[in-house]
């Protein structure tokens, strides 16, 4: 009986998963810097981003459209993303990533924190598909301006 040992190569499943996770981490650094161009460096030209919980649900197709969408989002949302769980899939070019956000909404000054689950699909180490699930109520509450104080209704302590 002959035993063959296959050395770890960049195309092994483990190496592909690590490369793909590194692309997500680099994209998240772009989010933290509110820099859509930096984030988009990790995406393919034919990227598809699906946001089924936005109102109305959105499907953004292509890097140019994604860059425009994210540039507008970063005018409003300033946040850091922290990965809390990574779930490997049978296909090494697919990852399910759980993460949290912490930041502020520029238009209201309110804090913004949310939990997310994203499905990422990759091609040659670049993100080609992203489906994002998040709590839409947290986003809605952060986007609504605080009601102005009504004179005479202040509570003293």
N, C-alpha and C. Protein backbone atom coordinates (compact mmCIF):
# COMPACT_ATOMS: atom_id res chain seq x y z
N UNK A 1 0.84 -1.18 0.00
CA UNK A 1 0.00 0.00 0.00
C UNK A 1 0.89 1.24 0.00
N UNK A 2 0.58 2.16 -0.86
CA UNK A 2 1.33 3.41 -0.98
C UNK A 2 0.49 4.53 -0.37
N UNK A 3 1.12 5.32 0.51
CA UNK A 3 0.44 6.47 1.11
C UNK A 3 0.94 7.72 0.43
N UNK A 4 0.02 8.52 -0.01
CA UNK A 4 0.36 9.77 -0.69
C UNK A 4 -0.07 10.92 0.21
N UNK A 5 0.86 11.82 0.50
CA UNK A 5 0.54 13.01 1.28
C UNK A 5 0.47 14.19 0.33
N UNK A 6 -0.65 14.86 0.36
CA UNK A 6 -0.83 16.02 -0.51
C UNK A 6 -0.49 17.27 0.30
N UNK A 7 0.53 18.01 -0.13
CA UNK A 7 0.91 19.21 0.62
C UNK A 7 -0.16 20.30 0.52
N UNK A 8 -0.19 21.14 1.54
CA UNK A 8 -1.10 22.28 1.55
C UNK A 8 -0.73 23.21 0.40
N UNK A 9 -1.66 23.51 -0.46
CA UNK A 9 -1.41 24.42 -1.57
C UNK A 9 -2.43 25.55 -1.50
N UNK A 10 -2.18 26.64 -2.22
CA UNK A 10 -3.14 27.75 -2.19
C UNK A 10 -4.54 27.35 -2.65
N UNK A 11 -4.65 26.21 -3.35
CA UNK A 11 -5.96 25.81 -3.83
C UNK A 11 -6.63 24.81 -2.90
N UNK A 12 -5.97 24.43 -1.78
CA UNK A 12 -6.62 23.51 -0.85
C UNK A 12 -7.83 24.22 -0.24
N UNK A 13 -8.78 23.43 0.24
CA UNK A 13 -9.98 24.01 0.84
C UNK A 13 -9.63 24.91 2.02
N UNK A 14 -8.70 24.48 2.86
CA UNK A 14 -8.32 25.28 4.03
C UNK A 14 -7.72 26.61 3.60
N UNK A 15 -6.84 26.57 2.63
CA UNK A 15 -6.20 27.81 2.16
C UNK A 15 -7.22 28.72 1.49
N UNK A 16 -8.15 28.15 0.72
CA UNK A 16 -9.17 28.97 0.07
C UNK A 16 -10.06 29.64 1.10
N UNK A 17 -10.47 28.90 2.13
CA UNK A 17 -11.31 29.50 3.17
C UNK A 17 -10.58 30.64 3.88
N UNK A 18 -9.30 30.43 4.18
CA UNK A 18 -8.51 31.47 4.85
C UNK A 18 -8.38 32.71 3.96
N UNK A 19 -8.13 32.50 2.68
CA UNK A 19 -8.02 33.62 1.74
C UNK A 19 -9.35 34.37 1.65
N UNK A 20 -10.44 33.62 1.62
CA UNK A 20 -11.76 34.24 1.52
C UNK A 20 -12.11 35.03 2.77
N UNK A 21 -11.80 34.47 3.94
CA UNK A 21 -12.06 35.19 5.18
C UNK A 21 -11.21 36.45 5.24
N UNK A 22 -9.99 36.39 4.75
CA UNK A 22 -9.14 37.59 4.72
C UNK A 22 -9.76 38.67 3.85
N UNK A 23 -10.44 38.29 2.77
CA UNK A 23 -11.12 39.27 1.92
C UNK A 23 -12.26 39.94 2.69
N UNK A 24 -13.02 39.17 3.47
CA UNK A 24 -14.10 39.74 4.28
C UNK A 24 -13.52 40.71 5.31
N UNK A 25 -12.47 40.30 5.98
CA UNK A 25 -11.84 41.15 7.00
C UNK A 25 -11.33 42.45 6.38
N UNK A 26 -10.73 42.37 5.20
CA UNK A 26 -10.25 43.58 4.52
C UNK A 26 -11.42 44.47 4.11
N UNK A 27 -12.51 43.88 3.63
CA UNK A 27 -13.70 44.66 3.27
C UNK A 27 -14.26 45.36 4.51
N UNK A 28 -14.27 44.67 5.65
CA UNK A 28 -14.76 45.26 6.89
C UNK A 28 -13.88 46.42 7.35
N UNK A 29 -12.58 46.35 7.07
CA UNK A 29 -11.71 47.50 7.39
C UNK A 29 -12.14 48.71 6.56
N UNK A 30 -12.52 48.49 5.31
CA UNK A 30 -13.03 49.58 4.48
C UNK A 30 -14.30 50.18 5.06
N UNK A 31 -15.18 49.33 5.59
CA UNK A 31 -16.40 49.83 6.24
C UNK A 31 -16.01 50.69 7.44
N UNK A 32 -15.09 50.20 8.26
CA UNK A 32 -14.66 50.94 9.44
C UNK A 32 -14.04 52.29 9.10
N UNK A 33 -13.43 52.37 7.93
CA UNK A 33 -12.85 53.63 7.46
C UNK A 33 -13.85 54.47 6.67
N UNK A 34 -15.09 54.00 6.55
CA UNK A 34 -16.13 54.66 5.75
C UNK A 34 -15.63 54.93 4.34
N UNK A 35 -14.93 53.95 3.79
CA UNK A 35 -14.29 54.08 2.47
C UNK A 35 -14.80 52.98 1.56
N UNK A 36 -15.80 53.30 0.77
CA UNK A 36 -16.42 52.31 -0.12
C UNK A 36 -15.42 51.79 -1.15
N UNK A 37 -14.53 52.65 -1.65
CA UNK A 37 -13.54 52.19 -2.63
C UNK A 37 -12.60 51.16 -2.01
N UNK A 38 -12.21 51.39 -0.77
CA UNK A 38 -11.36 50.40 -0.07
C UNK A 38 -12.11 49.08 0.10
N UNK A 39 -13.37 49.16 0.49
CA UNK A 39 -14.18 47.95 0.64
C UNK A 39 -14.30 47.23 -0.71
N UNK A 40 -14.55 47.97 -1.76
CA UNK A 40 -14.79 47.37 -3.08
C UNK A 40 -13.55 46.69 -3.67
N UNK A 41 -12.38 46.97 -3.14
CA UNK A 41 -11.17 46.28 -3.62
C UNK A 41 -11.27 44.77 -3.40
N UNK A 42 -12.14 44.35 -2.52
CA UNK A 42 -12.28 42.92 -2.20
C UNK A 42 -13.41 42.24 -2.98
N UNK A 43 -14.03 42.96 -3.90
CA UNK A 43 -15.20 42.46 -4.63
C UNK A 43 -14.88 42.26 -6.11
N UNK A 44 -15.60 41.32 -6.73
CA UNK A 44 -15.48 41.13 -8.17
C UNK A 44 -16.25 42.22 -8.90
N UNK A 45 -15.95 42.40 -10.17
CA UNK A 45 -16.66 43.42 -10.96
C UNK A 45 -18.15 43.11 -11.08
N UNK A 46 -18.50 41.82 -11.03
CA UNK A 46 -19.91 41.43 -11.18
C UNK A 46 -20.57 41.12 -9.83
N UNK A 47 -20.12 41.77 -8.77
CA UNK A 47 -20.66 41.55 -7.43
C UNK A 47 -22.18 41.71 -7.42
N UNK A 48 -22.82 40.89 -6.61
CA UNK A 48 -24.25 41.04 -6.32
C UNK A 48 -24.38 41.14 -4.81
N UNK A 49 -25.02 42.20 -4.35
CA UNK A 49 -25.29 42.40 -2.93
C UNK A 49 -26.80 42.40 -2.76
N UNK A 50 -27.30 41.49 -1.94
CA UNK A 50 -28.73 41.42 -1.66
C UNK A 50 -28.99 41.85 -0.22
N UNK A 51 -29.98 42.71 -0.06
CA UNK A 51 -30.38 43.23 1.25
C UNK A 51 -31.88 42.98 1.40
N UNK A 52 -32.26 41.74 1.75
CA UNK A 52 -33.69 41.40 1.77
C UNK A 52 -34.49 42.08 2.88
N UNK A 53 -33.83 42.64 3.90
CA UNK A 53 -34.56 43.25 5.01
C UNK A 53 -34.67 44.77 4.91
N UNK A 54 -34.13 45.38 3.86
CA UNK A 54 -34.34 46.81 3.69
C UNK A 54 -35.74 47.02 3.13
N UNK A 55 -36.24 48.25 3.25
CA UNK A 55 -37.57 48.57 2.71
C UNK A 55 -37.42 49.59 1.60
N UNK A 56 -37.67 49.23 0.37
CA UNK A 56 -37.96 47.87 -0.09
C UNK A 56 -36.67 47.05 -0.15
N UNK A 57 -36.79 45.72 -0.25
CA UNK A 57 -35.59 44.89 -0.39
C UNK A 57 -34.78 45.35 -1.60
N UNK A 58 -33.45 45.25 -1.48
CA UNK A 58 -32.57 45.73 -2.54
C UNK A 58 -31.70 44.60 -3.09
N UNK A 59 -31.40 44.72 -4.35
CA UNK A 59 -30.42 43.86 -5.02
C UNK A 59 -29.53 44.81 -5.82
N UNK A 60 -28.27 44.90 -5.43
CA UNK A 60 -27.32 45.80 -6.08
C UNK A 60 -26.41 44.94 -6.94
N UNK A 61 -26.35 45.23 -8.24
CA UNK A 61 -25.58 44.40 -9.16
C UNK A 61 -24.46 45.21 -9.80
N UNK A 62 -23.24 44.67 -9.72
CA UNK A 62 -22.08 45.28 -10.35
C UNK A 62 -21.32 46.19 -9.40
N UNK A 63 -20.02 46.25 -9.62
CA UNK A 63 -19.14 47.02 -8.73
C UNK A 63 -19.45 48.51 -8.76
N UNK A 64 -19.79 49.06 -9.92
CA UNK A 64 -20.09 50.48 -10.02
C UNK A 64 -21.32 50.83 -9.18
N UNK A 65 -22.37 50.04 -9.31
CA UNK A 65 -23.59 50.28 -8.53
C UNK A 65 -23.34 50.06 -7.04
N UNK A 66 -22.56 49.03 -6.70
CA UNK A 66 -22.25 48.77 -5.28
C UNK A 66 -21.43 49.91 -4.69
N UNK A 67 -20.48 50.43 -5.45
CA UNK A 67 -19.67 51.55 -4.97
C UNK A 67 -20.55 52.77 -4.69
N UNK A 68 -21.46 53.07 -5.59
CA UNK A 68 -22.37 54.21 -5.39
C UNK A 68 -23.27 53.99 -4.17
N UNK A 69 -23.82 52.79 -4.06
CA UNK A 69 -24.71 52.48 -2.94
C UNK A 69 -23.98 52.62 -1.61
N UNK A 70 -22.79 52.04 -1.52
CA UNK A 70 -22.04 52.06 -0.26
C UNK A 70 -21.50 53.45 0.05
N UNK A 71 -21.11 54.20 -0.96
CA UNK A 71 -20.64 55.57 -0.73
C UNK A 71 -21.75 56.39 -0.07
N UNK A 72 -22.97 56.23 -0.56
CA UNK A 72 -24.12 56.93 0.04
C UNK A 72 -24.40 56.44 1.46
N UNK A 73 -24.27 55.13 1.68
CA UNK A 73 -24.52 54.58 3.01
C UNK A 73 -23.52 55.12 4.02
N UNK A 74 -22.26 55.29 3.60
CA UNK A 74 -21.23 55.76 4.52
C UNK A 74 -21.36 57.25 4.85
N UNK A 75 -22.18 57.97 4.10
CA UNK A 75 -22.48 59.36 4.46
C UNK A 75 -23.35 59.36 5.72
N UNK A 76 -24.17 58.33 5.87
CA UNK A 76 -25.12 58.24 6.98
C UNK A 76 -24.56 57.39 8.13
N UNK A 77 -24.06 56.20 7.83
CA UNK A 77 -23.61 55.26 8.85
C UNK A 77 -22.09 55.29 8.98
N UNK A 78 -21.62 55.49 10.21
CA UNK A 78 -20.19 55.41 10.54
C UNK A 78 -20.06 54.30 11.57
N UNK A 79 -19.40 53.19 11.23
CA UNK A 79 -19.40 52.06 12.15
C UNK A 79 -18.21 51.15 11.96
N UNK A 80 -17.96 50.40 13.00
CA UNK A 80 -16.96 49.34 12.99
C UNK A 80 -17.72 48.02 12.98
N UNK A 81 -17.18 47.04 12.28
CA UNK A 81 -17.78 45.71 12.23
C UNK A 81 -16.84 44.73 12.92
N UNK A 82 -17.40 43.87 13.75
CA UNK A 82 -16.61 42.88 14.46
C UNK A 82 -17.20 41.49 14.21
N UNK A 83 -16.39 40.61 13.66
CA UNK A 83 -16.83 39.24 13.39
C UNK A 83 -16.94 38.49 14.70
N UNK A 84 -18.09 37.81 14.89
CA UNK A 84 -18.31 37.02 16.11
C UNK A 84 -18.30 35.52 15.84
N UNK A 85 -18.65 35.10 14.64
CA UNK A 85 -18.67 33.68 14.28
C UNK A 85 -18.44 33.54 12.78
N UNK A 86 -17.74 32.50 12.39
CA UNK A 86 -17.56 32.15 10.98
C UNK A 86 -17.98 30.70 10.82
N UNK A 87 -18.90 30.46 9.91
CA UNK A 87 -19.39 29.11 9.65
C UNK A 87 -18.91 28.70 8.26
N UNK A 88 -18.06 27.68 8.23
CA UNK A 88 -17.56 27.19 6.95
C UNK A 88 -18.63 26.32 6.30
N UNK A 89 -18.71 26.39 5.00
CA UNK A 89 -19.67 25.62 4.24
C UNK A 89 -18.96 24.47 3.52
N UNK A 90 -19.71 23.55 2.97
CA UNK A 90 -19.09 22.47 2.21
C UNK A 90 -18.28 23.02 1.05
N UNK A 91 -18.80 24.03 0.39
CA UNK A 91 -18.09 24.71 -0.68
C UNK A 91 -17.08 25.67 -0.04
N UNK A 92 -15.79 25.50 -0.26
CA UNK A 92 -14.81 26.38 0.37
C UNK A 92 -14.90 27.83 -0.11
N UNK A 93 -15.65 28.07 -1.17
CA UNK A 93 -15.84 29.43 -1.67
C UNK A 93 -17.17 30.03 -1.21
N UNK A 94 -17.64 29.55 -0.06
CA UNK A 94 -18.83 30.12 0.57
C UNK A 94 -18.60 30.13 2.08
N UNK A 95 -18.90 31.26 2.70
CA UNK A 95 -18.82 31.41 4.15
C UNK A 95 -20.08 32.09 4.66
N UNK A 96 -20.52 31.68 5.85
CA UNK A 96 -21.57 32.40 6.55
C UNK A 96 -20.88 33.08 7.73
N UNK A 97 -21.02 34.40 7.80
CA UNK A 97 -20.31 35.19 8.80
C UNK A 97 -21.32 35.94 9.66
N UNK A 98 -21.18 35.78 10.97
CA UNK A 98 -21.97 36.56 11.92
C UNK A 98 -21.07 37.68 12.43
N UNK A 99 -21.66 38.87 12.57
CA UNK A 99 -20.88 40.00 13.06
C UNK A 99 -21.79 41.04 13.68
N UNK A 100 -21.19 41.97 14.39
CA UNK A 100 -21.93 43.06 15.01
C UNK A 100 -21.35 44.38 14.53
N UNK A 101 -22.19 45.42 14.59
CA UNK A 101 -21.74 46.77 14.26
C UNK A 101 -21.87 47.64 15.50
N UNK A 102 -21.01 48.63 15.55
CA UNK A 102 -21.08 49.64 16.60
C UNK A 102 -20.69 50.96 15.96
N UNK A 103 -21.55 51.97 16.07
CA UNK A 103 -21.22 53.24 15.45
C UNK A 103 -22.27 54.29 15.70
N UNK A 104 -22.34 55.24 14.76
CA UNK A 104 -23.31 56.33 14.88
C UNK A 104 -23.94 56.59 13.52
N UNK A 105 -25.09 57.25 13.58
CA UNK A 105 -25.77 57.72 12.38
C UNK A 105 -25.51 59.22 12.29
N UNK A 106 -24.85 59.64 11.23
CA UNK A 106 -24.45 61.04 11.08
C UNK A 106 -25.64 61.99 11.02
N UNK A 107 -26.73 61.56 10.42
CA UNK A 107 -27.88 62.45 10.23
C UNK A 107 -28.69 62.68 11.50
N UNK A 108 -28.57 61.76 12.49
CA UNK A 108 -29.34 61.90 13.72
C UNK A 108 -28.45 62.04 14.95
N UNK A 109 -27.19 61.65 14.83
CA UNK A 109 -26.30 61.65 15.98
C UNK A 109 -26.53 60.49 16.92
N UNK A 110 -27.45 59.61 16.57
CA UNK A 110 -27.77 58.47 17.44
C UNK A 110 -26.74 57.36 17.29
N UNK A 111 -26.62 56.58 18.36
CA UNK A 111 -25.79 55.37 18.32
C UNK A 111 -26.47 54.36 17.41
N UNK A 112 -25.63 53.53 16.79
CA UNK A 112 -26.16 52.46 15.95
C UNK A 112 -25.40 51.18 16.27
N UNK A 113 -26.14 50.18 16.66
CA UNK A 113 -25.57 48.85 16.91
C UNK A 113 -26.53 47.84 16.32
N UNK A 114 -25.97 46.82 15.69
CA UNK A 114 -26.82 45.81 15.07
C UNK A 114 -26.08 44.48 15.04
N UNK A 115 -26.83 43.42 14.77
CA UNK A 115 -26.28 42.09 14.58
C UNK A 115 -26.59 41.67 13.15
N UNK A 116 -25.66 40.97 12.53
CA UNK A 116 -25.80 40.59 11.13
C UNK A 116 -25.44 39.12 10.94
N UNK A 117 -26.02 38.56 9.91
CA UNK A 117 -25.58 37.29 9.36
C UNK A 117 -25.47 37.51 7.86
N UNK A 118 -24.30 37.25 7.31
CA UNK A 118 -24.09 37.41 5.87
C UNK A 118 -23.66 36.10 5.25
N UNK A 119 -24.16 35.87 4.07
CA UNK A 119 -23.70 34.76 3.24
C UNK A 119 -22.79 35.37 2.19
N UNK A 120 -21.55 34.91 2.16
CA UNK A 120 -20.58 35.38 1.17
C UNK A 120 -20.21 34.24 0.24
N UNK A 121 -20.11 34.56 -1.04
CA UNK A 121 -19.58 33.62 -2.04
C UNK A 121 -18.41 34.31 -2.73
N UNK A 122 -17.42 33.52 -3.10
CA UNK A 122 -16.14 34.06 -3.58
C UNK A 122 -15.75 33.47 -4.92
N UNK A 123 -14.94 34.22 -5.63
CA UNK A 123 -14.28 33.73 -6.84
C UNK A 123 -12.83 34.19 -6.76
N UNK A 124 -11.92 33.22 -6.75
CA UNK A 124 -10.48 33.51 -6.73
C UNK A 124 -10.11 34.49 -5.62
N UNK A 125 -10.71 34.34 -4.45
CA UNK A 125 -10.38 35.15 -3.30
C UNK A 125 -11.07 36.50 -3.22
N UNK A 126 -11.96 36.79 -4.14
CA UNK A 126 -12.71 38.06 -4.13
C UNK A 126 -14.19 37.75 -3.88
N UNK A 127 -14.86 38.66 -3.20
CA UNK A 127 -16.28 38.48 -2.89
C UNK A 127 -17.10 38.72 -4.17
N UNK A 128 -17.89 37.72 -4.56
CA UNK A 128 -18.72 37.84 -5.76
C UNK A 128 -20.20 37.94 -5.44
N UNK A 129 -20.56 37.60 -4.16
CA UNK A 129 -21.96 37.62 -3.75
C UNK A 129 -22.01 37.87 -2.25
N UNK A 130 -22.96 38.70 -1.83
CA UNK A 130 -23.15 38.99 -0.40
C UNK A 130 -24.63 39.17 -0.15
N UNK A 131 -25.17 38.37 0.75
CA UNK A 131 -26.58 38.53 1.17
C UNK A 131 -26.54 38.87 2.66
N UNK A 132 -27.12 40.02 2.99
CA UNK A 132 -27.00 40.55 4.35
C UNK A 132 -28.33 40.53 5.07
N UNK A 133 -28.35 39.87 6.23
CA UNK A 133 -29.51 39.84 7.11
C UNK A 133 -29.16 40.63 8.37
N UNK A 134 -30.04 41.53 8.77
CA UNK A 134 -29.81 42.35 9.95
C UNK A 134 -31.16 42.71 10.55
N UNK A 135 -31.13 43.31 11.75
CA UNK A 135 -32.36 43.72 12.40
C UNK A 135 -32.77 45.09 11.84
N UNK A 136 -33.79 45.14 11.00
CA UNK A 136 -34.19 46.42 10.41
C UNK A 136 -34.72 47.41 11.44
N UNK A 137 -35.24 46.92 12.56
CA UNK A 137 -35.75 47.83 13.58
C UNK A 137 -34.63 48.67 14.19
N UNK A 138 -33.48 48.06 14.42
CA UNK A 138 -32.34 48.81 14.97
C UNK A 138 -31.94 49.93 14.02
N UNK A 139 -31.91 49.64 12.73
CA UNK A 139 -31.56 50.66 11.74
C UNK A 139 -32.62 51.77 11.71
N UNK A 140 -33.88 51.39 11.70
CA UNK A 140 -34.97 52.37 11.66
C UNK A 140 -34.92 53.30 12.86
N UNK A 141 -34.76 52.74 14.05
CA UNK A 141 -34.71 53.56 15.26
C UNK A 141 -33.53 54.54 15.24
N UNK A 142 -32.40 54.11 14.72
CA UNK A 142 -31.23 54.98 14.67
C UNK A 142 -31.40 56.09 13.63
N UNK A 143 -32.19 55.84 12.61
CA UNK A 143 -32.38 56.82 11.53
C UNK A 143 -33.43 57.88 11.85
N UNK A 144 -34.30 57.62 12.82
CA UNK A 144 -35.37 58.56 13.16
C UNK A 144 -34.79 59.62 14.09
N UNK A 145 -34.90 60.89 13.71
CA UNK A 145 -34.38 61.95 14.58
C UNK A 145 -35.09 61.94 15.94
N UNK A 146 -34.35 62.33 16.96
CA UNK A 146 -34.96 62.43 18.29
C UNK A 146 -36.00 63.54 18.26
N UNK A 147 -37.09 63.33 18.97
CA UNK A 147 -38.13 64.35 19.05
C UNK A 147 -37.60 65.55 19.83
N UNK A 148 -37.85 66.75 19.35
CA UNK A 148 -37.38 67.93 20.09
C UNK A 148 -38.11 68.03 21.43
N UNK A 149 -37.42 68.54 22.39
CA UNK A 149 -38.03 68.72 23.72
C UNK A 149 -39.13 69.78 23.61
N UNK A 150 -40.22 69.51 24.26
CA UNK A 150 -41.33 70.47 24.31
C UNK A 150 -41.13 71.33 25.54
N UNK A 151 -41.07 72.65 25.38
CA UNK A 151 -40.87 73.53 26.55
C UNK A 151 -41.89 73.25 27.64
N UNK A 152 -41.40 73.20 28.86
CA UNK A 152 -42.29 72.98 30.01
C UNK A 152 -42.53 71.53 30.32
N UNK A 153 -41.98 70.59 29.53
CA UNK A 153 -42.20 69.17 29.82
C UNK A 153 -40.96 68.49 30.35
N UNK A 154 -39.90 69.26 30.62
CA UNK A 154 -38.68 68.67 31.12
C UNK A 154 -38.92 68.10 32.51
N UNK A 155 -38.29 67.01 32.81
CA UNK A 155 -38.42 66.39 34.11
C UNK A 155 -37.20 66.79 34.92
N UNK A 156 -37.43 67.35 36.10
CA UNK A 156 -36.29 67.73 36.96
C UNK A 156 -36.07 66.62 37.97
N UNK A 157 -34.83 66.52 38.37
CA UNK A 157 -34.48 65.46 39.35
C UNK A 157 -33.99 66.07 40.61
